[in-house]
Amino acid sequence: MFAKLKAGGGGYDITFPSVDYTSIMIKEGMLEKITKNLIPNFKNIDPELIAGITYDANCEYSVLE
């Protein structure tokens, strides 16, 4: 998936990269920030779980892996 997207492949609304690739894709500018108000159940995720995420602080680009 990473190689396809890096080579210019597109047309995806959602992808499921691993934790390792999520951090790489953030650094490479390959992911857009999430509009959390469009995910109504996001508020139901335990804040302590979110606080422990190091690859995407505050889940700006991903929703837990």
N, C-alpha and C. Protein backbone atom coordinates (compact mmCIF):
# COMPACT_ATOMS: atom_id res chain seq x y z
N MET A 1 0.81 -1.18 0.00
CA MET A 1 0.00 0.00 0.00
C MET A 1 0.87 1.26 0.00
N PHE A 2 1.87 1.29 0.86
CA PHE A 2 2.73 2.47 0.96
C PHE A 2 3.37 2.77 -0.38
N ALA A 3 3.95 1.76 -1.01
CA ALA A 3 4.63 1.96 -2.30
C ALA A 3 3.65 2.47 -3.36
N LYS A 4 2.45 1.94 -3.39
CA LYS A 4 1.44 2.39 -4.36
C LYS A 4 1.10 3.85 -4.15
N LEU A 5 0.86 4.22 -2.90
CA LEU A 5 0.51 5.61 -2.60
C LEU A 5 1.69 6.54 -2.86
N LYS A 6 2.88 6.12 -2.48
CA LYS A 6 4.08 6.95 -2.68
C LYS A 6 4.34 7.18 -4.16
N ALA A 7 3.99 6.19 -4.99
CA ALA A 7 4.20 6.30 -6.44
C ALA A 7 3.12 7.12 -7.12
N GLY A 8 2.17 7.64 -6.34
CA GLY A 8 1.15 8.51 -6.93
C GLY A 8 -0.22 7.89 -7.02
N GLY A 9 -0.36 6.65 -6.59
CA GLY A 9 -1.68 6.03 -6.58
C GLY A 9 -2.59 6.77 -5.64
N GLY A 10 -3.82 6.88 -5.97
CA GLY A 10 -4.74 7.63 -5.12
C GLY A 10 -6.15 7.11 -5.26
N GLY A 11 -7.09 7.95 -4.89
CA GLY A 11 -8.48 7.59 -4.99
C GLY A 11 -9.01 6.90 -3.76
N TYR A 12 -8.23 6.87 -2.68
CA TYR A 12 -8.66 6.19 -1.46
C TYR A 12 -9.25 7.21 -0.49
N ASP A 13 -10.36 6.84 0.14
CA ASP A 13 -10.94 7.67 1.20
C ASP A 13 -10.35 7.30 2.55
N ILE A 14 -9.99 6.02 2.69
CA ILE A 14 -9.49 5.52 3.96
C ILE A 14 -8.44 4.44 3.69
N THR A 15 -7.42 4.43 4.52
CA THR A 15 -6.38 3.39 4.43
C THR A 15 -6.13 2.84 5.83
N PHE A 16 -5.48 1.69 5.90
CA PHE A 16 -5.19 1.05 7.18
C PHE A 16 -3.71 0.69 7.29
N PRO A 17 -2.83 1.70 7.35
CA PRO A 17 -1.41 1.39 7.51
C PRO A 17 -1.11 0.89 8.93
N SER A 18 -0.01 0.17 9.07
CA SER A 18 0.42 -0.26 10.40
C SER A 18 0.93 0.95 11.17
N VAL A 19 1.17 0.77 12.46
CA VAL A 19 1.70 1.85 13.29
C VAL A 19 2.99 2.40 12.69
N ASP A 20 3.89 1.51 12.26
CA ASP A 20 5.16 1.96 11.68
C ASP A 20 4.93 2.85 10.47
N TYR A 21 4.05 2.43 9.59
CA TYR A 21 3.81 3.21 8.38
C TYR A 21 2.97 4.45 8.64
N THR A 22 2.14 4.43 9.66
CA THR A 22 1.37 5.64 9.99
C THR A 22 2.34 6.78 10.31
N SER A 23 3.32 6.52 11.15
CA SER A 23 4.27 7.59 11.51
C SER A 23 5.09 8.03 10.31
N ILE A 24 5.48 7.10 9.46
CA ILE A 24 6.23 7.45 8.24
C ILE A 24 5.37 8.30 7.32
N MET A 25 4.12 7.89 7.13
CA MET A 25 3.23 8.61 6.22
C MET A 25 2.91 10.01 6.74
N ILE A 26 2.83 10.17 8.06
CA ILE A 26 2.63 11.51 8.63
C ILE A 26 3.84 12.39 8.29
N LYS A 27 5.05 11.88 8.54
CA LYS A 27 6.27 12.65 8.26
C LYS A 27 6.40 12.98 6.78
N GLU A 28 5.95 12.10 5.91
CA GLU A 28 6.05 12.29 4.46
C GLU A 28 4.92 13.19 3.91
N GLY A 29 3.98 13.58 4.78
CA GLY A 29 2.87 14.42 4.34
C GLY A 29 1.86 13.67 3.48
N MET A 30 1.75 12.37 3.71
CA MET A 30 0.88 11.54 2.89
C MET A 30 -0.53 11.36 3.47
N LEU A 31 -0.74 11.86 4.68
CA LEU A 31 -2.05 11.70 5.33
C LEU A 31 -2.66 13.06 5.60
N GLU A 32 -3.97 13.13 5.52
CA GLU A 32 -4.69 14.35 5.87
C GLU A 32 -5.17 14.25 7.31
N LYS A 33 -5.30 15.39 7.96
CA LYS A 33 -5.82 15.39 9.31
C LYS A 33 -7.29 14.96 9.29
N ILE A 34 -7.67 14.27 10.34
CA ILE A 34 -9.04 13.78 10.49
C ILE A 34 -9.93 14.92 10.99
N THR A 35 -11.12 15.01 10.45
CA THR A 35 -12.13 15.94 10.96
C THR A 35 -12.95 15.15 11.97
N LYS A 36 -12.56 15.26 13.23
CA LYS A 36 -13.13 14.42 14.27
C LYS A 36 -14.63 14.61 14.46
N ASN A 37 -15.14 15.80 14.18
CA ASN A 37 -16.58 15.99 14.36
C ASN A 37 -17.40 15.19 13.34
N LEU A 38 -16.74 14.62 12.34
CA LEU A 38 -17.43 13.75 11.38
C LEU A 38 -17.41 12.29 11.84
N ILE A 39 -16.76 12.03 12.98
CA ILE A 39 -16.70 10.68 13.56
C ILE A 39 -17.36 10.77 14.94
N PRO A 40 -18.68 10.66 14.99
CA PRO A 40 -19.39 10.89 16.26
C PRO A 40 -18.97 9.96 17.40
N ASN A 41 -18.55 8.75 17.11
CA ASN A 41 -18.18 7.83 18.17
C ASN A 41 -16.75 8.02 18.67
N PHE A 42 -16.01 8.94 18.07
CA PHE A 42 -14.65 9.21 18.54
C PHE A 42 -14.65 9.60 20.01
N LYS A 43 -15.68 10.30 20.43
CA LYS A 43 -15.77 10.75 21.83
C LYS A 43 -15.87 9.59 22.81
N ASN A 44 -16.18 8.40 22.31
CA ASN A 44 -16.33 7.23 23.18
C ASN A 44 -15.01 6.48 23.41
N ILE A 45 -13.94 6.90 22.77
CA ILE A 45 -12.64 6.26 22.97
C ILE A 45 -12.05 6.74 24.29
N ASP A 46 -11.56 5.82 25.08
CA ASP A 46 -10.98 6.13 26.38
C ASP A 46 -9.82 7.11 26.22
N PRO A 47 -9.89 8.29 26.86
CA PRO A 47 -8.82 9.29 26.76
C PRO A 47 -7.45 8.77 27.19
N GLU A 48 -7.42 7.84 28.14
CA GLU A 48 -6.14 7.26 28.58
C GLU A 48 -5.49 6.45 27.46
N LEU A 49 -6.32 5.80 26.66
CA LEU A 49 -5.81 5.05 25.52
C LEU A 49 -5.20 6.00 24.49
N ILE A 50 -5.87 7.10 24.23
CA ILE A 50 -5.38 8.10 23.28
C ILE A 50 -4.08 8.73 23.81
N ALA A 51 -4.02 8.98 25.10
CA ALA A 51 -2.84 9.61 25.70
C ALA A 51 -1.58 8.76 25.54
N GLY A 52 -1.75 7.45 25.40
CA GLY A 52 -0.60 6.57 25.27
C GLY A 52 -0.06 6.43 23.86
N ILE A 53 -0.69 7.07 22.91
CA ILE A 53 -0.26 6.96 21.52
C ILE A 53 0.91 7.89 21.27
N THR A 54 2.00 7.34 20.75
CA THR A 54 3.18 8.16 20.50
C THR A 54 3.37 8.49 19.03
N TYR A 55 2.82 7.68 18.13
CA TYR A 55 3.04 7.88 16.70
C TYR A 55 2.13 8.93 16.09
N ASP A 56 1.05 9.31 16.78
CA ASP A 56 0.10 10.30 16.27
C ASP A 56 -0.60 10.95 17.45
N ALA A 57 0.08 11.91 18.07
CA ALA A 57 -0.46 12.56 19.26
C ALA A 57 -1.86 13.12 18.99
N ASN A 58 -2.76 12.87 19.89
CA ASN A 58 -4.14 13.35 19.82
C ASN A 58 -4.93 12.79 18.63
N CYS A 59 -4.43 11.74 18.03
CA CYS A 59 -5.12 11.10 16.90
C CYS A 59 -5.51 12.12 15.82
N GLU A 60 -4.53 12.90 15.41
CA GLU A 60 -4.80 13.90 14.37
C GLU A 60 -4.92 13.28 12.98
N TYR A 61 -4.21 12.17 12.74
CA TYR A 61 -4.19 11.57 11.43
C TYR A 61 -4.71 10.13 11.41
N SER A 62 -4.93 9.56 12.57
CA SER A 62 -5.37 8.16 12.63
C SER A 62 -6.27 7.95 13.84
N VAL A 63 -7.00 6.84 13.80
CA VAL A 63 -7.84 6.47 14.92
C VAL A 63 -7.38 5.11 15.40
N LEU A 64 -6.55 5.10 16.41
CA LEU A 64 -6.03 3.90 17.07
C LEU A 64 -5.78 2.72 16.15
N GLU A 65 -4.73 2.05 16.43
CA GLU A 65 -4.36 0.87 15.64
C GLU A 65 -4.45 -0.36 16.49
